[in-house]
Amino acid sequence: MKKTFTLILITIFSIAAIYALVRYVRMDGFAFAWALSFLLMLCVSVFTEALKSPLTSAYYEQKEWERKGKIYESLGINFFRKLLVWSGWEKVIRKSFPIENNTSALTKLYYQTKKGELDHLIILLIVLGFNIFVAFSFGVVKSLWLLGLNVFMNLYPIFLQRYNRPRVERAMNLSKRRQHIPVC
């Protein structure tokens, strides 16, 4: 009951914050697109953290066409990763979620790839809705800020999580096997 109440409060706050943003910032510019993306990152992250779902859906499993990440590499994921390092984002995120060489840390990182993907997927869909609305209300050109930032701030992070998760899973499984091998 407490969890449900918390989730409802987070949703109400999120809707109120988005309403205020829509009311006070023009929807057809960069400022709106940027503010909406960060506001949704905050709201969705808090929501999914409070949800505490185990995220066991088959959706998170690697698909046959994703094997070895070649599709993501052809879409420029390595360039996106370099941008994250160059911008300092990688350093910031590693303070919150350090990569350690133990099973517990790798298991937590594996879960975080799922949670991060879910967060960005929800935001992608919400911003897509705003993008369509702005395209019809103000014109396609005015909606390009929303589209561009949505691709950069949500679609590519989804690709990155899907690209990294199999590697984290392999490291996690290797770490689990090493724990069960008796040391002589």
N, C-alpha and C. Protein backbone atom coordinates (compact mmCIF):
# COMPACT_ATOMS: atom_id res chain seq x y z
N MET A 1 0.82 -1.19 0.00
CA MET A 1 0.00 0.00 0.00
C MET A 1 0.87 1.26 0.00
N LYS A 2 1.92 1.24 0.83
CA LYS A 2 2.83 2.39 0.91
C LYS A 2 3.54 2.60 -0.43
N LYS A 3 3.95 1.50 -1.06
CA LYS A 3 4.63 1.57 -2.35
C LYS A 3 3.70 2.17 -3.41
N THR A 4 2.46 1.74 -3.44
CA THR A 4 1.48 2.25 -4.39
C THR A 4 1.26 3.75 -4.18
N PHE A 5 1.12 4.15 -2.92
CA PHE A 5 0.93 5.55 -2.59
C PHE A 5 2.13 6.38 -3.04
N THR A 6 3.33 5.86 -2.82
CA THR A 6 4.56 6.55 -3.23
C THR A 6 4.59 6.71 -4.75
N LEU A 7 4.27 5.65 -5.47
CA LEU A 7 4.28 5.70 -6.93
C LEU A 7 3.24 6.69 -7.46
N ILE A 8 2.08 6.75 -6.82
CA ILE A 8 1.04 7.70 -7.23
C ILE A 8 1.52 9.13 -6.98
N LEU A 9 2.15 9.37 -5.83
CA LEU A 9 2.68 10.71 -5.53
C LEU A 9 3.75 11.13 -6.53
N ILE A 10 4.64 10.21 -6.86
CA ILE A 10 5.68 10.51 -7.84
C ILE A 10 5.06 10.85 -9.19
N THR A 11 4.05 10.11 -9.59
CA THR A 11 3.36 10.35 -10.86
C THR A 11 2.69 11.72 -10.85
N ILE A 12 1.99 12.05 -9.76
CA ILE A 12 1.32 13.35 -9.66
C ILE A 12 2.34 14.49 -9.72
N PHE A 13 3.44 14.35 -8.98
CA PHE A 13 4.49 15.38 -9.01
C PHE A 13 5.05 15.52 -10.43
N SER A 14 5.28 14.40 -11.09
CA SER A 14 5.85 14.41 -12.45
C SER A 14 4.92 15.13 -13.42
N ILE A 15 3.63 14.82 -13.34
CA ILE A 15 2.66 15.46 -14.23
C ILE A 15 2.60 16.96 -13.95
N ALA A 16 2.60 17.33 -12.67
CA ALA A 16 2.56 18.75 -12.31
C ALA A 16 3.81 19.48 -12.81
N ALA A 17 4.96 18.85 -12.67
CA ALA A 17 6.21 19.47 -13.12
C ALA A 17 6.23 19.63 -14.64
N ILE A 18 5.76 18.62 -15.35
CA ILE A 18 5.71 18.69 -16.81
C ILE A 18 4.70 19.75 -17.24
N TYR A 19 3.56 19.83 -16.55
CA TYR A 19 2.57 20.86 -16.85
C TYR A 19 3.17 22.25 -16.68
N ALA A 20 3.91 22.46 -15.59
CA ALA A 20 4.56 23.76 -15.36
C ALA A 20 5.56 24.07 -16.48
N LEU A 21 6.30 23.06 -16.88
CA LEU A 21 7.27 23.26 -17.97
C LEU A 21 6.56 23.65 -19.26
N VAL A 22 5.49 22.94 -19.59
CA VAL A 22 4.73 23.23 -20.81
C VAL A 22 4.13 24.63 -20.74
N ARG A 23 3.69 25.00 -19.56
CA ARG A 23 3.02 26.30 -19.37
C ARG A 23 3.99 27.47 -19.48
N TYR A 24 5.22 27.31 -18.98
CA TYR A 24 6.13 28.45 -18.87
C TYR A 24 7.30 28.46 -19.86
N VAL A 25 7.47 27.40 -20.61
CA VAL A 25 8.56 27.35 -21.59
C VAL A 25 7.95 26.98 -22.94
N ARG A 26 8.32 27.75 -23.95
CA ARG A 26 7.80 27.46 -25.31
C ARG A 26 8.20 26.05 -25.73
N MET A 27 7.26 25.30 -26.24
CA MET A 27 7.49 23.90 -26.58
C MET A 27 8.27 23.71 -27.87
N ASP A 28 8.49 24.75 -28.62
CA ASP A 28 9.10 24.59 -29.95
C ASP A 28 10.58 24.96 -29.99
N GLY A 29 11.25 24.95 -28.85
CA GLY A 29 12.65 25.34 -28.84
C GLY A 29 13.56 24.36 -28.11
N PHE A 30 14.83 24.67 -28.18
CA PHE A 30 15.85 23.83 -27.54
C PHE A 30 15.67 23.80 -26.03
N ALA A 31 15.36 24.93 -25.41
CA ALA A 31 15.23 25.00 -23.95
C ALA A 31 14.17 24.02 -23.44
N PHE A 32 13.06 23.94 -24.13
CA PHE A 32 12.01 23.01 -23.73
C PHE A 32 12.49 21.56 -23.88
N ALA A 33 13.09 21.25 -25.00
CA ALA A 33 13.56 19.88 -25.26
C ALA A 33 14.58 19.45 -24.21
N TRP A 34 15.50 20.34 -23.89
CA TRP A 34 16.54 20.05 -22.91
C TRP A 34 15.94 19.88 -21.51
N ALA A 35 15.10 20.83 -21.11
CA ALA A 35 14.49 20.79 -19.78
C ALA A 35 13.57 19.57 -19.64
N LEU A 36 12.79 19.26 -20.68
CA LEU A 36 11.91 18.10 -20.63
C LEU A 36 12.71 16.81 -20.45
N SER A 37 13.79 16.69 -21.18
CA SER A 37 14.62 15.48 -21.08
C SER A 37 15.16 15.29 -19.66
N PHE A 38 15.71 16.35 -19.09
CA PHE A 38 16.27 16.21 -17.74
C PHE A 38 15.20 16.06 -16.67
N LEU A 39 14.08 16.74 -16.84
CA LEU A 39 12.97 16.58 -15.89
C LEU A 39 12.46 15.15 -15.91
N LEU A 40 12.30 14.61 -17.11
CA LEU A 40 11.85 13.22 -17.21
C LEU A 40 12.89 12.23 -16.68
N MET A 41 14.17 12.53 -16.87
CA MET A 41 15.20 11.66 -16.31
C MET A 41 15.07 11.58 -14.79
N LEU A 42 14.85 12.72 -14.17
CA LEU A 42 14.68 12.76 -12.72
C LEU A 42 13.43 12.00 -12.31
N CYS A 43 12.30 12.34 -12.91
CA CYS A 43 11.02 11.74 -12.52
C CYS A 43 10.98 10.23 -12.77
N VAL A 44 11.40 9.81 -13.94
CA VAL A 44 11.35 8.39 -14.29
C VAL A 44 12.33 7.60 -13.44
N SER A 45 13.50 8.14 -13.19
CA SER A 45 14.48 7.46 -12.36
C SER A 45 13.96 7.25 -10.94
N VAL A 46 13.34 8.28 -10.38
CA VAL A 46 12.76 8.16 -9.03
C VAL A 46 11.62 7.14 -9.05
N PHE A 47 10.79 7.17 -10.09
CA PHE A 47 9.66 6.24 -10.19
C PHE A 47 10.15 4.79 -10.26
N THR A 48 11.09 4.50 -11.16
CA THR A 48 11.55 3.11 -11.31
C THR A 48 12.34 2.64 -10.08
N GLU A 49 13.00 3.58 -9.41
CA GLU A 49 13.71 3.21 -8.17
C GLU A 49 12.71 2.83 -7.10
N ALA A 50 11.61 3.57 -7.00
CA ALA A 50 10.57 3.26 -6.02
C ALA A 50 9.82 1.98 -6.40
N LEU A 51 9.73 1.71 -7.68
CA LEU A 51 9.02 0.52 -8.17
C LEU A 51 9.73 -0.76 -7.72
N LYS A 52 11.06 -0.73 -7.72
CA LYS A 52 11.89 -1.87 -7.30
C LYS A 52 11.49 -3.18 -7.99
N SER A 53 11.30 -3.11 -9.28
CA SER A 53 10.96 -4.29 -10.06
C SER A 53 12.21 -5.14 -10.28
N PRO A 54 12.07 -6.47 -10.28
CA PRO A 54 13.24 -7.32 -10.54
C PRO A 54 13.68 -7.29 -12.01
N LEU A 55 12.85 -6.76 -12.90
CA LEU A 55 13.17 -6.61 -14.33
C LEU A 55 13.61 -7.93 -14.94
N THR A 56 12.73 -8.92 -14.85
CA THR A 56 13.05 -10.25 -15.35
C THR A 56 12.41 -10.55 -16.70
N SER A 57 11.85 -9.58 -17.36
CA SER A 57 11.18 -9.77 -18.65
C SER A 57 12.15 -10.31 -19.70
N ALA A 58 11.62 -11.10 -20.62
CA ALA A 58 12.41 -11.62 -21.74
C ALA A 58 12.90 -10.48 -22.65
N TYR A 59 12.27 -9.32 -22.54
CA TYR A 59 12.68 -8.16 -23.33
C TYR A 59 14.17 -7.85 -23.13
N TYR A 60 14.67 -8.04 -21.92
CA TYR A 60 16.06 -7.69 -21.60
C TYR A 60 17.07 -8.70 -22.11
N GLU A 61 16.62 -9.86 -22.54
CA GLU A 61 17.55 -10.88 -23.04
C GLU A 61 18.04 -10.48 -24.42
N GLN A 62 19.29 -10.84 -24.69
CA GLN A 62 19.88 -10.51 -25.97
C GLN A 62 19.19 -11.29 -27.09
N LYS A 63 18.86 -10.58 -28.15
CA LYS A 63 18.20 -11.20 -29.30
C LYS A 63 19.25 -11.70 -30.28
N GLU A 64 18.84 -12.61 -31.15
CA GLU A 64 19.78 -13.20 -32.11
C GLU A 64 20.45 -12.13 -32.97
N TRP A 65 19.68 -11.14 -33.43
CA TRP A 65 20.23 -10.11 -34.31
C TRP A 65 21.17 -9.15 -33.59
N GLU A 66 21.20 -9.22 -32.26
CA GLU A 66 22.09 -8.36 -31.48
C GLU A 66 23.43 -9.02 -31.16
N ARG A 67 23.58 -10.28 -31.46
CA ARG A 67 24.78 -11.03 -31.07
C ARG A 67 26.06 -10.29 -31.42
N LYS A 68 26.92 -10.21 -30.44
CA LYS A 68 28.24 -9.58 -30.55
C LYS A 68 28.17 -8.06 -30.77
N GLY A 69 26.99 -7.48 -30.73
CA GLY A 69 26.84 -6.03 -30.79
C GLY A 69 27.17 -5.38 -32.11
N LYS A 70 27.28 -6.16 -33.18
CA LYS A 70 27.66 -5.58 -34.48
C LYS A 70 26.66 -4.54 -34.97
N ILE A 71 25.37 -4.76 -34.73
CA ILE A 71 24.36 -3.81 -35.17
C ILE A 71 24.56 -2.46 -34.48
N TYR A 72 24.89 -2.50 -33.19
CA TYR A 72 25.09 -1.26 -32.44
C TYR A 72 26.39 -0.57 -32.87
N GLU A 73 27.39 -1.35 -33.16
CA GLU A 73 28.64 -0.77 -33.65
C GLU A 73 28.42 -0.09 -34.99
N SER A 74 27.60 -0.69 -35.86
CA SER A 74 27.33 -0.07 -37.16
C SER A 74 26.49 1.20 -37.01
N LEU A 75 25.76 1.32 -35.91
CA LEU A 75 24.96 2.52 -35.64
C LEU A 75 25.75 3.60 -34.89
N GLY A 76 27.04 3.34 -34.63
CA GLY A 76 27.91 4.35 -34.05
C GLY A 76 27.99 4.35 -32.53
N ILE A 77 27.75 3.20 -31.91
CA ILE A 77 27.77 3.16 -30.44
C ILE A 77 29.16 3.44 -29.87
N ASN A 78 30.21 3.06 -30.59
CA ASN A 78 31.56 3.33 -30.09
C ASN A 78 31.86 4.83 -30.09
N PHE A 79 31.37 5.56 -31.08
CA PHE A 79 31.50 7.01 -31.09
C PHE A 79 30.72 7.63 -29.93
N PHE A 80 29.51 7.11 -29.67
CA PHE A 80 28.70 7.59 -28.56
C PHE A 80 29.42 7.35 -27.23
N ARG A 81 30.04 6.19 -27.08
CA ARG A 81 30.79 5.88 -25.85
C ARG A 81 31.94 6.87 -25.66
N LYS A 82 32.63 7.19 -26.76
CA LYS A 82 33.72 8.17 -26.68
C LYS A 82 33.19 9.54 -26.28
N LEU A 83 32.03 9.92 -26.79
CA LEU A 83 31.41 11.19 -26.41
C LEU A 83 31.11 11.23 -24.91
N LEU A 84 30.64 10.11 -24.36
CA LEU A 84 30.36 10.06 -22.93
C LEU A 84 31.63 10.24 -22.10
N VAL A 85 32.71 9.65 -22.55
CA VAL A 85 33.99 9.81 -21.85
C VAL A 85 34.48 11.25 -21.99
N TRP A 86 34.44 11.77 -23.21
CA TRP A 86 34.90 13.12 -23.48
C TRP A 86 34.11 14.17 -22.70
N SER A 87 32.79 13.97 -22.57
CA SER A 87 31.94 14.95 -21.88
C SER A 87 32.07 14.87 -20.36
N GLY A 88 32.68 13.80 -19.86
CA GLY A 88 32.82 13.64 -18.42
C GLY A 88 31.69 12.84 -17.79
N TRP A 89 30.69 12.47 -18.60
CA TRP A 89 29.55 11.73 -18.07
C TRP A 89 29.97 10.37 -17.52
N GLU A 90 30.88 9.71 -18.20
CA GLU A 90 31.34 8.39 -17.76
C GLU A 90 31.95 8.46 -16.36
N LYS A 91 32.71 9.51 -16.10
CA LYS A 91 33.34 9.68 -14.79
C LYS A 91 32.27 9.90 -13.71
N VAL A 92 31.27 10.70 -14.03
CA VAL A 92 30.18 10.98 -13.08
C VAL A 92 29.41 9.70 -12.77
N ILE A 93 29.08 8.92 -13.78
CA ILE A 93 28.27 7.72 -13.59
C ILE A 93 29.07 6.64 -12.85
N ARG A 94 30.37 6.59 -13.06
CA ARG A 94 31.20 5.58 -12.38
C ARG A 94 31.35 5.88 -10.89
N LYS A 95 31.14 7.12 -10.48
CA LYS A 95 31.15 7.43 -9.05
C LYS A 95 29.92 6.82 -8.38
N SER A 96 28.79 6.85 -9.08
CA SER A 96 27.55 6.28 -8.54
C SER A 96 27.54 4.76 -8.67
N PHE A 97 28.04 4.25 -9.78
CA PHE A 97 28.03 2.82 -10.05
C PHE A 97 29.42 2.36 -10.47
N PRO A 98 30.33 2.22 -9.49
CA PRO A 98 31.70 1.83 -9.85
C PRO A 98 31.75 0.40 -10.39
N ILE A 99 32.69 0.18 -11.27
CA ILE A 99 32.90 -1.16 -11.82
C ILE A 99 33.98 -1.82 -10.99
N GLU A 100 33.58 -2.85 -10.27
CA GLU A 100 34.51 -3.61 -9.44
C GLU A 100 34.54 -5.05 -9.95
N ASN A 101 35.61 -5.73 -9.63
CA ASN A 101 35.77 -7.09 -10.12
C ASN A 101 35.31 -8.09 -9.06
N ASN A 102 34.03 -8.01 -8.68
CA ASN A 102 33.45 -9.01 -7.80
C ASN A 102 32.02 -9.28 -8.23
N THR A 103 31.52 -10.43 -7.86
CA THR A 103 30.20 -10.87 -8.32
C THR A 103 29.10 -9.92 -7.89
N SER A 104 29.16 -9.45 -6.67
CA SER A 104 28.12 -8.57 -6.15
C SER A 104 28.04 -7.26 -6.95
N ALA A 105 29.17 -6.64 -7.20
CA ALA A 105 29.20 -5.39 -7.96
C ALA A 105 28.76 -5.62 -9.40
N LEU A 106 29.17 -6.72 -10.00
CA LEU A 106 28.78 -7.02 -11.38
C LEU A 106 27.28 -7.32 -11.47
N THR A 107 26.73 -7.99 -10.46
CA THR A 107 25.29 -8.26 -10.44
C THR A 107 24.52 -6.96 -10.32
N LYS A 108 25.00 -6.05 -9.49
CA LYS A 108 24.35 -4.74 -9.35
C LYS A 108 24.45 -3.95 -10.66
N LEU A 109 25.60 -4.00 -11.31
CA LEU A 109 25.79 -3.31 -12.59
C LEU A 109 24.88 -3.91 -13.66
N TYR A 110 24.74 -5.22 -13.66
CA TYR A 110 23.86 -5.91 -14.62
C TYR A 110 22.42 -5.41 -14.44
N TYR A 111 21.96 -5.33 -13.20
CA TYR A 111 20.62 -4.82 -12.92
C TYR A 111 20.50 -3.35 -13.36
N GLN A 112 21.54 -2.57 -13.11
CA GLN A 112 21.51 -1.16 -13.49
C GLN A 112 21.42 -0.97 -15.00
N THR A 113 21.98 -1.89 -15.78
CA THR A 113 21.83 -1.78 -17.23
C THR A 113 20.37 -1.96 -17.63
N LYS A 114 19.68 -2.86 -16.93
CA LYS A 114 18.25 -3.06 -17.20
C LYS A 114 17.44 -1.85 -16.76
N LYS A 115 17.72 -1.35 -15.56
CA LYS A 115 16.98 -0.20 -15.04
C LYS A 115 17.23 1.03 -15.91
N GLY A 116 18.47 1.25 -16.30
CA GLY A 116 18.80 2.38 -17.16
C GLY A 116 18.10 2.29 -18.50
N GLU A 117 18.05 1.08 -19.04
CA GLU A 117 17.36 0.90 -20.31
C GLU A 117 15.87 1.18 -20.17
N LEU A 118 15.26 0.68 -19.09
CA LEU A 118 13.85 0.94 -18.85
C LEU A 118 13.58 2.43 -18.70
N ASP A 119 14.42 3.10 -17.92
CA ASP A 119 14.27 4.55 -17.73
C ASP A 119 14.29 5.28 -19.07
N HIS A 120 15.28 4.99 -19.87
CA HIS A 120 15.42 5.68 -21.16
C HIS A 120 14.31 5.30 -22.14
N LEU A 121 13.83 4.07 -22.06
CA LEU A 121 12.73 3.66 -22.93
C LEU A 121 11.45 4.42 -22.59
N ILE A 122 11.15 4.55 -21.31
CA ILE A 122 9.97 5.31 -20.88
C ILE A 122 10.09 6.77 -21.33
N ILE A 123 11.25 7.36 -21.10
CA ILE A 123 11.47 8.75 -21.49
C ILE A 123 11.37 8.91 -23.01
N LEU A 124 11.96 7.98 -23.75
CA LEU A 124 11.91 8.01 -25.21
C LEU A 124 10.47 8.07 -25.70
N LEU A 125 9.62 7.24 -25.12
CA LEU A 125 8.23 7.19 -25.56
C LEU A 125 7.46 8.46 -25.18
N ILE A 126 7.71 8.99 -23.98
CA ILE A 126 7.04 10.23 -23.57
C ILE A 126 7.48 11.39 -24.46
N VAL A 127 8.78 11.52 -24.67
CA VAL A 127 9.29 12.61 -25.51
C VAL A 127 8.81 12.44 -26.94
N LEU A 128 8.70 11.21 -27.41
CA LEU A 128 8.17 10.96 -28.75
C LEU A 128 6.74 11.51 -28.87
N GLY A 129 5.95 11.31 -27.82
CA GLY A 129 4.59 11.88 -27.80
C GLY A 129 4.62 13.39 -27.91
N PHE A 130 5.50 14.03 -27.13
CA PHE A 130 5.65 15.49 -27.22
C PHE A 130 6.15 15.89 -28.60
N ASN A 131 7.06 15.10 -29.14
CA ASN A 131 7.62 15.37 -30.47
C ASN A 131 6.53 15.39 -31.54
N ILE A 132 5.67 14.42 -31.49
CA ILE A 132 4.56 14.35 -32.46
C ILE A 132 3.62 15.55 -32.28
N PHE A 133 3.31 15.87 -31.02
CA PHE A 133 2.44 17.02 -30.74
C PHE A 133 3.04 18.31 -31.28
N VAL A 134 4.32 18.53 -30.99
CA VAL A 134 5.00 19.75 -31.45
C VAL A 134 5.06 19.79 -32.97
N ALA A 135 5.32 18.65 -33.60
CA ALA A 135 5.39 18.60 -35.07
C ALA A 135 4.05 19.01 -35.69
N PHE A 136 2.95 18.54 -35.12
CA PHE A 136 1.64 18.90 -35.65
C PHE A 136 1.23 20.32 -35.28
N SER A 137 1.60 20.78 -34.10
CA SER A 137 1.18 22.11 -33.63
C SER A 137 2.05 23.24 -34.17
N PHE A 138 3.38 23.03 -34.24
CA PHE A 138 4.30 24.10 -34.61
C PHE A 138 5.05 23.83 -35.91
N GLY A 139 4.96 22.62 -36.42
CA GLY A 139 5.67 22.25 -37.64
C GLY A 139 6.81 21.29 -37.35
N VAL A 140 7.15 20.53 -38.36
CA VAL A 140 8.18 19.50 -38.21
C VAL A 140 9.54 20.12 -37.85
N VAL A 141 9.87 21.23 -38.46
CA VAL A 141 11.17 21.86 -38.21
C VAL A 141 11.31 22.25 -36.73
N LYS A 142 10.24 22.77 -36.15
CA LYS A 142 10.27 23.17 -34.74
C LYS A 142 10.38 21.98 -33.79
N SER A 143 10.05 20.80 -34.28
CA SER A 143 10.11 19.61 -33.43
C SER A 143 11.46 18.90 -33.51
N LEU A 144 12.37 19.40 -34.34
CA LEU A 144 13.65 18.71 -34.53
C LEU A 144 14.52 18.71 -33.28
N TRP A 145 14.40 19.75 -32.42
CA TRP A 145 15.17 19.74 -31.18
C TRP A 145 14.75 18.56 -30.31
N LEU A 146 13.45 18.35 -30.20
CA LEU A 146 12.96 17.22 -29.42
C LEU A 146 13.44 15.90 -30.01
N LEU A 147 13.34 15.78 -31.33
CA LEU A 147 13.75 14.54 -31.99
C LEU A 147 15.25 14.28 -31.81
N GLY A 148 16.06 15.31 -32.07
CA GLY A 148 17.51 15.15 -31.95
C GLY A 148 17.96 14.81 -30.54
N LEU A 149 17.44 15.53 -29.57
CA LEU A 149 17.81 15.24 -28.18
C LEU A 149 17.27 13.90 -27.72
N ASN A 150 16.10 13.52 -28.22
CA ASN A 150 15.54 12.22 -27.86
C ASN A 150 16.42 11.08 -28.37
N VAL A 151 16.90 11.21 -29.59
CA VAL A 151 17.80 10.19 -30.14
C VAL A 151 19.10 10.15 -29.33
N PHE A 152 19.68 11.32 -29.09
CA PHE A 152 20.97 11.40 -28.40
C PHE A 152 20.87 11.03 -26.92
N MET A 153 19.82 11.48 -26.25
CA MET A 153 19.74 11.29 -24.79
C MET A 153 18.96 10.05 -24.37
N ASN A 154 18.26 9.41 -25.30
CA ASN A 154 17.47 8.24 -24.91
C ASN A 154 17.68 7.02 -25.80
N LEU A 155 17.63 7.20 -27.11
CA LEU A 155 17.79 6.05 -27.99
C LEU A 155 19.20 5.47 -27.91
N TYR A 156 20.21 6.32 -28.00
CA TYR A 156 21.58 5.81 -27.91
C TYR A 156 21.91 5.23 -26.53
N PRO A 157 21.44 5.81 -25.44
CA PRO A 157 21.65 5.12 -24.15
C PRO A 157 20.98 3.74 -24.08
N ILE A 158 19.84 3.59 -24.73
CA ILE A 158 19.21 2.26 -24.79
C ILE A 158 20.13 1.31 -25.56
N PHE A 159 20.62 1.77 -26.71
CA PHE A 159 21.57 0.96 -27.48
C PHE A 159 22.78 0.59 -26.63
N LEU A 160 23.29 1.57 -25.88
CA LEU A 160 24.48 1.33 -25.05
C LEU A 160 24.21 0.27 -23.99
N GLN A 161 23.06 0.32 -23.34
CA GLN A 161 22.74 -0.68 -22.32
C GLN A 161 22.63 -2.07 -22.95
N ARG A 162 22.01 -2.13 -24.10
CA ARG A 162 21.84 -3.42 -24.79
C ARG A 162 23.19 -3.93 -25.31
N TYR A 163 24.09 -3.02 -25.63
CA TYR A 163 25.43 -3.39 -26.10
C TYR A 163 26.29 -3.88 -24.93
N ASN A 164 26.17 -3.21 -23.79
CA ASN A 164 27.01 -3.54 -22.63
C ASN A 164 26.52 -4.74 -21.82
N ARG A 165 25.21 -4.94 -21.75
CA ARG A 165 24.66 -5.97 -20.86
C ARG A 165 25.24 -7.36 -21.12
N PRO A 166 25.37 -7.84 -22.36
CA PRO A 166 25.95 -9.18 -22.55
C PRO A 166 27.39 -9.27 -22.04
N ARG A 167 28.13 -8.20 -22.14
CA ARG A 167 29.51 -8.20 -21.65
C ARG A 167 29.53 -8.25 -20.12
N VAL A 168 28.66 -7.50 -19.50
CA VAL A 168 28.56 -7.52 -18.03
C VAL A 168 28.10 -8.90 -17.57
N GLU A 169 27.15 -9.47 -18.31
CA GLU A 169 26.64 -10.81 -17.95
C GLU A 169 27.76 -11.86 -18.04
N ARG A 170 28.58 -11.79 -19.09
CA ARG A 170 29.70 -12.74 -19.21
C ARG A 170 30.67 -12.58 -18.05
N ALA A 171 31.00 -11.34 -17.70
CA ALA A 171 31.91 -11.09 -16.58
C ALA A 171 31.30 -11.57 -15.27
N MET A 172 30.00 -11.35 -15.09
CA MET A 172 29.31 -11.77 -13.89
C MET A 172 29.32 -13.30 -13.78
N ASN A 173 29.02 -13.99 -14.87
CA ASN A 173 29.02 -15.46 -14.86
C ASN A 173 30.42 -16.01 -14.62
N LEU A 174 31.43 -15.39 -15.20
CA LEU A 174 32.81 -15.81 -14.97
C LEU A 174 33.19 -15.61 -13.51
N SER A 175 32.78 -14.50 -12.93
CA SER A 175 33.06 -14.22 -11.53
C SER A 175 32.37 -15.24 -10.62
N LYS A 176 31.15 -15.61 -10.95
CA LYS A 176 30.42 -16.62 -10.16
C LYS A 176 31.13 -17.96 -10.22
N ARG A 177 31.60 -18.34 -11.42
CA ARG A 177 32.31 -19.61 -11.57
C ARG A 177 33.61 -19.61 -10.79
N ARG A 178 34.31 -18.50 -10.79
CA ARG A 178 35.59 -18.40 -10.06
C ARG A 178 35.38 -18.51 -8.55
N GLN A 179 34.24 -18.02 -8.07
CA GLN A 179 33.96 -18.13 -6.63
C GLN A 179 33.75 -19.56 -6.20
N HIS A 180 33.26 -20.39 -7.11
CA HIS A 180 32.97 -21.78 -6.76
C HIS A 180 34.14 -22.72 -6.99
N ILE A 181 35.23 -22.21 -7.57
CA ILE A 181 36.42 -23.04 -7.78
C ILE A 181 37.25 -23.00 -6.52
N PRO A 182 37.54 -24.17 -5.93
CA PRO A 182 38.34 -24.19 -4.72
C PRO A 182 39.78 -23.72 -4.99
N VAL A 183 40.28 -22.89 -4.10
CA VAL A 183 41.65 -22.37 -4.22
C VAL A 183 42.59 -23.31 -3.50
N CYS A 184 43.68 -23.75 -4.18
CA CYS A 184 44.64 -24.70 -3.59
C CYS A 184 45.71 -24.00 -2.83
